Amino acid sequence: MKHSLKKIVSVMSVASIIGTSIALPFNVPFATSVQAASVSEKTATDAILALFANNNPSTNVLKTTTNQQTIDAAQQLLDAVTGMLDTVRANAQAAITQARALLDLRNTPLDYSLFANDADITSSVITGIAGTGITRVSLLVDGVVKATGTIVNGTYSILVGNSITPGSQVEVVGYNGTNEVARKTVKVSNNAAPLAPGENEALAKTMAANAVMALFQNNNPTTNILNSATTQKTIDYAQSLINVVQTASVKASLQQELDRAQSLLNALPTFNMSVVAFKLGTDSYVTGQFSGNVAKISLTVNGASGVKIPVTAPTIKYYAKTVILKDTDDVTLIAYDAAGNVLGTKKVTVKKQEVTTNGAITTLAPFVIGKENYVTGQFSGDVAKISLTVNGVEGVKIPASASTIKYYAKTVLLNTTDNAHITAYDINGNVLDTKVVSLSR
């Protein structure tokens, strides 16, 4: 069946469906049986909004948990509501129709739905939802590709490092093969670029004050406790906003509070993490050690993030045998504090599987010049190729099989004074053994 989806609700806000007097959505127990007299307008509209990413039909993307059952449950709740304004009901029904069309499109090559979760200037990973038709995602910062991610079960994650800076425009682009099919702007908080000094003093003071207050718990410096999301990057961002404030007294007051935040951050336990190289074919776990307030770790392989697991100081141990498969895999270990904030990342070096080979030349028959055509003998072990070297010049390496050495030498072994030897190699070209060829006439 060929699907063609047009956006049914071009701009579908919460208010347009449920009216401005309705509170924000809450989780709806879909399994509960519906009784017409007990279903409120809010319950029905909350169920409808919950079908979409960010609880918003205008994203035109379904949540990964949305299925036929949840859509039918929302329809049943809407049908049971009485006294709803016709325009509100029509908008709600349009949203359900939109959800059904998106569900029909899901898991088809034409599903180009793309959604990006909100981020922060300190975010190290950008996540979101991608439809089946999107085979690759990239992160663009100010129009420049900074990173790529992989898609697993309809969701994606992209490691961003320090790519996000104040004032930058952040986008996620979805591709089908090499063709761009979708693009979404990532909403990044704490990302407004500082104003030019004197450009708008009132706004500059407001921006700086908001950034400084946000460093502290409950936006209150007197708590003397940092917000769990405060990092050096958020402090540096607040400092950049203070720097453009022109009113001396305001600037000094804000600087005092920022210095307090810096002191509190400096007093936190120092974070350090070291990771041992992962050896393919030998290791089952990524291992290492850490110090500081690390509560959990996760492993990202080729952009796909694994589950977060708790750690106990000072040991790092993360099972990776089934996910690190090649020495070209891009592997990163991520450390989190108790609040889930990223403390730091470490690249994991992946080493090729080391194969130990053994082999020997067990016998070589004497070579009679003028009579013999081949140097012959026997070998044992992992010998893959052999060569003949005469007076320092090595001939071509030829395959060895069935434990037999047979190397044509009539045209190169001409004198009993020739210095000749056979060399045995393993499959990787490593020398396993050499033996001198005895010459006679």
Protein backbone atom coordinates (compact mmCIF):
# COMPACT_ATOMS: atom_id res chain seq x y z
CA MET A 1 0.00 0.00 0.00
CA LYS A 2 1.36 3.39 -0.94
CA HIS A 3 1.08 6.02 1.77
CA SER A 4 0.86 9.74 1.27
CA LEU A 5 0.70 11.87 4.39
CA LYS A 6 -0.10 15.52 4.43
CA LYS A 7 0.13 17.33 7.73
CA ILE A 8 -3.48 17.33 8.86
CA VAL A 9 -3.05 19.88 11.61
CA SER A 10 -0.62 22.55 10.44
CA VAL A 11 -0.38 24.34 13.76
CA MET A 12 -2.01 22.28 16.52
CA SER A 13 -1.27 23.81 19.90
CA VAL A 14 -2.49 22.54 23.25
CA ALA A 15 -4.81 25.49 23.58
CA SER A 16 -6.41 24.92 20.17
CA ILE A 17 -7.48 21.45 21.21
CA ILE A 18 -8.41 21.84 24.85
CA GLY A 19 -8.98 25.55 25.30
CA THR A 20 -6.91 28.00 27.34
CA SER A 21 -8.58 27.07 30.64
CA ILE A 22 -7.25 23.51 30.64
CA ALA A 23 -4.18 22.61 32.70
CA LEU A 24 -1.11 20.85 31.37
CA PRO A 25 -1.38 17.16 30.36
CA PHE A 26 -0.96 14.29 32.80
CA ASN A 27 -0.63 10.53 32.29
CA VAL A 28 -3.87 8.79 31.36
CA PRO A 29 -4.62 5.18 32.43
CA PHE A 30 -5.74 3.91 29.02
CA ALA A 31 -6.74 0.49 30.35
CA THR A 32 -9.51 1.97 32.48
CA SER A 33 -13.00 1.36 31.06
CA VAL A 34 -14.77 4.47 29.86
CA GLN A 35 -18.03 5.68 31.31
CA ALA A 36 -19.62 8.55 29.40
CA ALA A 37 -20.76 10.36 32.50
CA SER A 38 -17.31 10.32 34.14
CA VAL A 39 -15.00 11.28 31.26
CA SER A 40 -13.85 14.89 31.40
CA GLU A 41 -12.80 16.98 28.45
CA LYS A 42 -9.32 17.25 29.96
CA THR A 43 -8.90 13.49 30.31
CA ALA A 44 -9.72 12.97 26.65
CA THR A 45 -7.54 15.78 25.35
CA ASP A 46 -4.62 14.73 27.55
CA ALA A 47 -4.83 11.24 26.06
CA ILE A 48 -4.80 12.70 22.55
CA LEU A 49 -1.83 14.97 23.23
CA ALA A 50 0.06 12.08 24.80
CA LEU A 51 0.11 10.31 21.43
CA PHE A 52 2.63 12.82 20.06
CA ALA A 53 6.25 13.65 20.73
CA ASN A 54 6.52 16.42 23.32
CA ASN A 55 2.73 16.06 23.82
CA ASN A 56 2.26 18.29 20.80
CA PRO A 57 0.57 17.34 17.49
CA SER A 58 2.47 20.11 15.68
CA THR A 59 5.65 18.01 15.95
CA ASN A 60 3.94 15.66 13.46
CA VAL A 61 5.81 12.80 15.16
CA LEU A 62 4.35 10.02 17.27
CA LYS A 63 5.92 8.86 20.50
CA THR A 64 7.61 5.49 20.15
CA THR A 65 5.06 4.12 22.65
CA THR A 66 2.05 5.16 20.55
CA ASN A 67 0.26 2.24 18.90
CA GLN A 68 -3.21 1.30 17.66
CA GLN A 69 -4.37 0.55 21.20
CA THR A 70 -3.42 3.96 22.59
CA ILE A 71 -5.03 5.74 19.61
CA ASP A 72 -8.24 3.72 19.99
CA ALA A 73 -8.29 4.49 23.71
CA ALA A 74 -7.98 8.22 23.00
CA GLN A 75 -10.82 7.98 20.47
CA GLN A 76 -12.98 6.17 23.00
CA LEU A 77 -12.35 8.87 25.61
CA LEU A 78 -13.17 11.63 23.12
CA ASP A 79 -16.40 9.90 22.06
CA ALA A 80 -17.47 9.69 25.72
CA VAL A 81 -17.10 13.42 26.43
CA THR A 82 -20.33 15.41 26.53
CA GLY A 83 -20.76 19.16 26.28
CA MET A 84 -17.56 19.79 24.32
CA LEU A 85 -17.61 22.75 21.94
CA ASP A 86 -17.90 21.65 18.32
CA THR A 87 -14.71 23.49 17.28
CA VAL A 88 -12.71 21.92 20.14
CA ARG A 89 -14.07 18.45 19.29
CA ALA A 90 -13.23 18.96 15.62
CA ASN A 91 -9.64 19.91 16.47
CA ALA A 92 -9.32 16.93 18.82
CA GLN A 93 -10.70 14.58 16.17
CA ALA A 94 -8.30 16.03 13.59
CA ALA A 95 -5.40 15.25 15.93
CA ILE A 96 -6.55 11.62 16.27
CA THR A 97 -6.88 11.37 12.48
CA GLN A 98 -3.37 12.78 12.21
CA ALA A 99 -2.10 10.15 14.67
CA ARG A 100 -3.78 7.33 12.69
CA ALA A 101 -2.17 8.55 9.46
CA LEU A 102 1.25 8.72 11.12
CA LEU A 103 0.77 5.22 12.53
CA ASP A 104 -0.11 3.90 9.06
CA LEU A 105 3.10 5.46 7.78
CA ARG A 106 5.25 4.02 10.56
CA ASN A 107 7.62 1.20 9.56
CA THR A 108 7.37 2.09 5.87
CA PRO A 109 10.17 3.50 3.70
CA LEU A 110 8.26 6.79 3.52
CA ASP A 111 8.31 7.41 7.30
CA TYR A 112 10.55 10.48 7.48
CA SER A 113 9.34 11.67 10.89
CA LEU A 114 12.06 13.37 12.96
CA PHE A 115 11.92 14.86 16.44
CA ALA A 116 14.66 16.35 18.61
CA ASN A 117 14.40 16.49 22.39
CA ASP A 118 15.22 19.78 24.09
CA ALA A 119 18.84 20.25 25.12
CA ASP A 120 21.03 22.51 27.24
CA ILE A 121 24.29 24.26 26.47
CA THR A 122 25.94 21.63 28.70
CA SER A 123 24.36 18.67 26.88
CA SER A 124 26.84 16.08 25.66
CA VAL A 125 24.22 13.98 23.84
CA ILE A 126 21.34 15.02 21.59
CA THR A 127 18.47 12.50 21.46
CA GLY A 128 15.17 12.15 19.66
CA ILE A 129 12.87 10.06 17.48
CA ALA A 130 13.46 9.02 13.86
CA GLY A 131 11.11 7.25 11.44
CA THR A 132 11.95 4.07 9.54
CA GLY A 133 12.70 5.99 6.35
CA ILE A 134 15.55 7.85 8.06
CA THR A 135 18.71 5.76 7.91
CA ARG A 136 21.20 8.27 9.32
CA VAL A 137 21.21 11.43 11.45
CA SER A 138 23.74 14.23 11.74
CA LEU A 139 24.15 17.17 14.10
CA LEU A 140 24.63 20.58 12.50
CA VAL A 141 25.89 23.58 14.48
CA ASP A 142 25.59 26.84 12.59
CA GLY A 143 25.17 24.84 9.40
CA VAL A 144 28.32 22.75 9.86
CA VAL A 145 28.15 18.99 10.42
CA LYS A 146 29.72 18.32 13.83
CA ALA A 147 28.76 14.72 14.55
CA THR A 148 26.74 11.76 13.31
CA GLY A 149 24.72 9.25 15.26
CA THR A 150 23.02 5.93 14.79
CA ILE A 151 19.38 4.98 15.10
CA VAL A 152 18.23 2.12 17.31
CA ASN A 153 14.57 1.05 17.54
CA GLY A 154 13.25 4.39 16.34
CA THR A 155 15.37 6.58 18.62
CA TYR A 156 18.71 8.23 18.00
CA SER A 157 21.54 9.70 20.06
CA ILE A 158 24.39 11.90 18.89
CA LEU A 159 27.45 12.72 20.98
CA VAL A 160 28.13 16.46 20.69
CA GLY A 161 31.20 17.05 22.87
CA ASN A 162 31.75 20.81 23.14
CA SER A 163 30.08 21.64 19.82
CA ILE A 164 27.24 23.71 21.33
CA THR A 165 28.32 27.25 22.16
CA PRO A 166 26.34 30.39 23.14
CA GLY A 167 24.34 31.75 20.25
CA SER A 168 24.83 28.74 17.99
CA GLN A 169 21.96 27.28 15.96
CA VAL A 170 21.67 23.55 16.54
CA GLU A 171 19.87 21.24 14.11
CA VAL A 172 19.40 17.52 13.57
CA VAL A 173 19.25 16.38 9.95
CA GLY A 174 17.78 13.05 8.86
CA TYR A 175 18.94 11.27 5.71
CA ASN A 176 17.67 8.41 3.62
CA GLY A 177 20.89 7.13 2.14
CA THR A 178 22.66 10.31 1.03
CA ASN A 179 19.47 12.37 0.59
CA GLU A 180 18.32 14.80 3.26
CA VAL A 181 14.67 14.07 4.06
CA ALA A 182 14.05 15.92 7.35
CA ARG A 183 15.56 18.69 9.47
CA LYS A 184 14.64 19.83 12.98
CA THR A 185 15.95 22.69 15.11
CA VAL A 186 17.05 21.64 18.60
CA LYS A 187 15.72 23.91 21.34
CA VAL A 188 18.78 24.70 23.45
CA SER A 189 18.41 26.50 26.77
CA ASN A 190 21.16 28.76 28.20
CA ASN A 191 22.19 29.41 24.64
CA ALA A 192 21.41 33.04 23.95
CA ALA A 193 24.45 34.87 22.61
CA PRO A 194 25.66 37.72 24.86
CA LEU A 195 24.67 41.20 23.71
CA ALA A 196 27.24 43.74 22.63
CA PRO A 197 28.21 46.00 25.57
CA GLY A 198 25.77 48.92 25.78
CA GLU A 199 23.42 47.46 23.15
CA ASN A 200 20.53 46.99 25.59
CA GLU A 201 21.60 47.41 29.21
CA ALA A 202 18.26 46.42 30.73
CA LEU A 203 18.14 43.17 28.76
CA ALA A 204 21.82 42.49 29.44
CA LYS A 205 21.24 42.76 33.20
CA THR A 206 18.21 40.46 33.00
CA MET A 207 20.03 37.83 30.97
CA ALA A 208 23.03 37.86 33.30
CA ALA A 209 20.90 37.74 36.45
CA ASN A 210 18.81 34.83 35.15
CA ALA A 211 21.94 32.88 34.23
CA VAL A 212 23.57 33.49 37.63
CA MET A 213 20.45 32.59 39.60
CA ALA A 214 20.04 29.38 37.60
CA LEU A 215 23.41 28.20 38.93
CA PHE A 216 21.90 27.70 42.38
CA GLN A 217 19.30 25.40 43.85
CA ASN A 218 15.83 26.94 43.56
CA ASN A 219 17.43 29.89 41.70
CA ASN A 220 18.57 31.22 45.07
CA PRO A 221 22.23 31.92 45.86
CA THR A 222 21.50 32.08 49.60
CA THR A 223 20.94 28.32 49.61
CA ASN A 224 24.69 28.04 49.06
CA ILE A 225 23.91 24.89 47.07
CA LEU A 226 24.50 24.53 43.35
CA ASN A 227 21.81 23.45 40.95
CA SER A 228 22.42 19.80 40.05
CA ALA A 229 22.88 20.83 36.39
CA THR A 230 25.56 23.43 37.12
CA THR A 231 28.90 22.73 35.46
CA GLN A 232 31.94 24.76 34.53
CA LYS A 233 30.35 25.37 31.16
CA THR A 234 27.21 26.97 32.68
CA ILE A 235 29.36 29.12 34.98
CA ASP A 236 31.47 30.24 32.01
CA TYR A 237 28.27 31.06 30.12
CA ALA A 238 26.97 33.20 32.99
CA GLN A 239 30.34 34.96 33.14
CA SER A 240 30.09 35.85 29.45
CA LEU A 241 26.74 37.53 30.16
CA ILE A 242 28.08 39.42 33.20
CA ASN A 243 30.99 40.73 31.14
CA VAL A 244 28.69 42.88 28.95
CA VAL A 245 26.78 44.50 31.86
CA GLN A 246 27.74 48.18 32.10
CA THR A 247 26.16 49.18 35.41
CA ALA A 248 29.06 48.80 37.85
CA SER A 249 27.04 48.05 41.00
CA VAL A 250 24.91 45.40 39.26
CA LYS A 251 27.93 43.86 37.62
CA ALA A 252 29.79 43.64 40.94
CA SER A 253 26.82 42.01 42.69
CA LEU A 254 26.38 39.43 39.96
CA GLN A 255 30.10 38.72 39.90
CA GLN A 256 30.05 38.10 43.64
CA GLU A 257 27.32 35.48 43.26
CA LEU A 258 29.07 33.86 40.32
CA ASP A 259 32.31 33.69 42.32
CA ARG A 260 30.33 31.93 45.05
CA ALA A 261 29.10 29.37 42.49
CA GLN A 262 32.65 28.86 41.22
CA SER A 263 33.90 28.24 44.75
CA LEU A 264 31.15 25.70 45.38
CA LEU A 265 31.96 23.92 42.13
CA ASN A 266 35.68 23.91 42.93
CA ALA A 267 34.92 22.32 46.30
CA LEU A 268 33.18 19.35 44.72
CA PRO A 269 35.18 16.12 44.59
CA THR A 270 37.62 16.10 41.68
CA PHE A 271 36.50 13.90 38.80
CA ASN A 272 38.99 11.69 37.02
CA MET A 273 38.48 8.62 34.85
CA SER A 274 40.89 6.25 33.13
CA VAL A 275 39.90 3.43 30.77
CA VAL A 276 41.85 0.35 29.71
CA ALA A 277 42.02 -0.49 26.01
CA PHE A 278 39.45 -3.14 25.01
CA LYS A 279 40.95 -6.22 23.32
CA LEU A 280 38.71 -7.98 20.82
CA GLY A 281 38.44 -11.71 21.35
CA THR A 282 39.90 -11.44 24.86
CA ASP A 283 37.98 -8.89 26.92
CA SER A 284 34.32 -9.06 27.88
CA TYR A 285 34.21 -5.78 29.83
CA VAL A 286 35.37 -2.22 29.38
CA THR A 287 37.34 -1.61 32.56
CA GLY A 288 39.06 1.28 34.29
CA GLN A 289 39.07 3.43 37.40
CA PHE A 290 37.54 6.71 38.51
CA SER A 291 37.57 9.21 41.34
CA GLY A 292 34.98 11.81 42.26
CA ASN A 293 31.21 11.85 42.45
CA VAL A 294 30.46 9.35 39.68
CA ALA A 295 27.17 7.53 40.29
CA LYS A 296 26.57 5.80 36.96
CA ILE A 297 28.27 5.05 33.67
CA SER A 298 27.10 4.16 30.17
CA LEU A 299 28.77 3.04 26.98
CA THR A 300 28.12 4.48 23.53
CA VAL A 301 29.17 2.42 20.51
CA ASN A 302 28.92 4.03 17.06
CA GLY A 303 26.42 6.55 18.42
CA ALA A 304 24.12 3.99 20.09
CA SER A 305 23.88 4.53 23.84
CA GLY A 306 23.72 1.62 26.25
CA VAL A 307 21.94 1.54 29.61
CA LYS A 308 23.29 3.49 32.58
CA ILE A 309 24.63 1.22 35.32
CA PRO A 310 25.68 2.12 38.89
CA VAL A 311 29.34 2.05 39.86
CA THR A 312 31.24 1.72 43.12
CA ALA A 313 34.53 3.56 43.52
CA PRO A 314 37.09 3.16 42.17
CA THR A 315 36.21 0.41 39.67
CA ILE A 316 34.72 0.76 36.18
CA LYS A 317 33.33 -2.43 34.66
CA TYR A 318 30.86 -2.37 31.76
CA TYR A 319 29.89 -5.47 29.76
CA ALA A 320 30.71 -4.86 26.10
CA LYS A 321 31.52 -8.19 24.47
CA THR A 322 28.31 -8.21 22.40
CA VAL A 323 28.47 -4.56 21.27
CA ILE A 324 32.16 -3.89 20.56
CA LEU A 325 32.79 -6.09 17.55
CA LYS A 326 35.40 -4.36 15.36
CA ASP A 327 38.57 -2.42 15.95
CA THR A 328 37.01 0.43 13.92
CA ASP A 329 34.07 0.82 16.35
CA ASP A 330 33.74 4.31 17.87
CA VAL A 331 33.40 3.67 21.61
CA THR A 332 32.91 6.24 24.38
CA LEU A 333 32.43 5.72 28.12
CA ILE A 334 30.23 8.37 29.79
CA ALA A 335 30.22 9.15 33.53
CA TYR A 336 27.20 10.68 35.32
CA ASP A 337 26.61 12.16 38.76
CA ALA A 338 23.66 11.20 40.99
CA ALA A 339 21.43 13.77 39.27
CA GLY A 340 22.13 12.27 35.84
CA ASN A 341 24.41 15.08 34.68
CA VAL A 342 27.33 14.14 32.46
CA LEU A 343 30.61 14.57 34.34
CA GLY A 344 32.87 13.53 31.52
CA THR A 345 33.59 11.12 28.70
CA LYS A 346 36.51 8.91 27.69
CA LYS A 347 37.24 7.36 24.32
CA VAL A 348 37.84 3.63 24.53
CA THR A 349 40.65 2.29 22.39
CA VAL A 350 39.70 -0.97 20.64
CA LYS A 351 42.52 -3.35 19.77
CA LYS A 352 42.41 -6.13 17.21
CA GLN A 353 42.27 -9.69 18.37
CA GLU A 354 45.76 -10.99 18.97
CA VAL A 355 46.23 -14.47 17.52
CA THR A 356 49.23 -16.47 18.72
CA THR A 357 50.73 -18.68 16.01
CA ASN A 358 53.36 -21.39 16.25
CA GLY A 359 55.10 -23.38 13.58
CA ALA A 360 58.41 -24.97 12.62
CA ILE A 361 60.30 -26.40 9.69
CA THR A 362 60.81 -29.98 10.88
CA THR A 363 62.93 -31.36 8.01
CA LEU A 364 64.68 -30.16 4.86
CA ALA A 365 66.14 -32.63 2.33
CA PRO A 366 69.65 -31.88 1.01
CA PHE A 367 69.51 -30.22 -2.43
CA VAL A 368 71.71 -31.79 -5.12
CA ILE A 369 72.65 -29.16 -7.71
CA GLY A 370 72.07 -30.33 -11.27
CA LYS A 371 69.85 -33.17 -10.13
CA GLU A 372 67.09 -31.69 -7.94
CA ASN A 373 64.43 -29.23 -9.12
CA TYR A 374 62.81 -28.44 -5.74
CA VAL A 375 63.85 -27.83 -2.16
CA THR A 376 61.62 -30.25 -0.22
CA GLY A 377 60.81 -30.91 3.40
CA GLN A 378 58.17 -30.94 6.09
CA PHE A 379 56.70 -28.38 8.51
CA SER A 380 54.37 -28.40 11.50
CA GLY A 381 52.01 -25.86 13.06
CA ASP A 382 50.56 -22.65 11.61
CA VAL A 383 52.81 -22.25 8.59
CA ALA A 384 50.88 -20.49 5.80
CA LYS A 385 53.64 -19.51 3.35
CA ILE A 386 57.27 -20.29 2.64
CA SER A 387 60.07 -18.56 0.77
CA LEU A 388 63.59 -19.35 -0.39
CA THR A 389 66.40 -16.86 0.14
CA VAL A 390 69.61 -17.29 -1.86
CA ASN A 391 72.64 -15.13 -1.14
CA GLY A 392 70.47 -12.54 0.62
CA VAL A 393 67.80 -12.32 -2.11
CA GLU A 394 64.40 -13.62 -1.06
CA GLY A 395 62.14 -15.21 -3.63
CA VAL A 396 58.35 -14.93 -3.69
CA LYS A 397 56.35 -16.29 -0.78
CA ILE A 398 54.26 -19.27 -1.87
CA PRO A 399 51.39 -21.00 -0.04
CA ALA A 400 52.25 -24.05 2.04
CA SER A 401 49.81 -26.89 2.58
CA ALA A 402 49.54 -30.43 3.92
CA SER A 403 52.70 -30.01 6.02
CA THR A 404 54.80 -30.25 2.83
CA ILE A 405 57.54 -27.90 1.70
CA LYS A 406 58.17 -27.84 -2.05
CA TYR A 407 59.92 -24.79 -3.51
CA TYR A 408 61.29 -24.61 -7.09
CA ALA A 409 65.00 -23.81 -6.93
CA LYS A 410 66.72 -25.26 -10.01
CA THR A 411 67.38 -21.84 -11.57
CA VAL A 412 68.62 -20.09 -8.39
CA LEU A 413 70.68 -22.73 -6.57
CA LEU A 414 73.70 -23.05 -8.86
CA ASN A 415 76.80 -23.40 -6.66
CA THR A 416 77.61 -25.35 -3.52
CA THR A 417 78.89 -22.10 -2.04
CA ASP A 418 75.44 -20.44 -2.29
CA ASN A 419 74.00 -19.33 1.05
CA ALA A 420 70.38 -20.58 1.04
CA HIS A 421 67.61 -20.94 3.60
CA ILE A 422 63.87 -21.59 3.76
CA THR A 423 61.66 -19.22 5.80
CA ALA A 424 58.22 -20.17 7.18
CA TYR A 425 55.53 -17.49 7.76
CA ASP A 426 52.14 -17.46 9.49
CA ILE A 427 48.96 -16.06 7.90
CA ASN A 428 49.81 -12.53 9.12
CA GLY A 429 53.29 -12.60 7.60
CA ASN A 430 55.14 -13.20 10.87
CA VAL A 431 58.28 -15.35 10.66
CA LEU A 432 57.82 -18.67 12.44
CA ASP A 433 61.07 -20.46 11.55
CA THR A 434 64.06 -20.56 9.18
CA LYS A 435 66.33 -23.45 8.15
CA VAL A 436 69.51 -23.59 6.09
CA VAL A 437 69.40 -25.64 2.87
CA SER A 438 72.28 -28.12 2.58
CA LEU A 439 73.80 -28.04 -0.94
CA SER A 440 75.87 -30.66 -2.79
CA ARG A 441 76.73 -31.68 -6.32
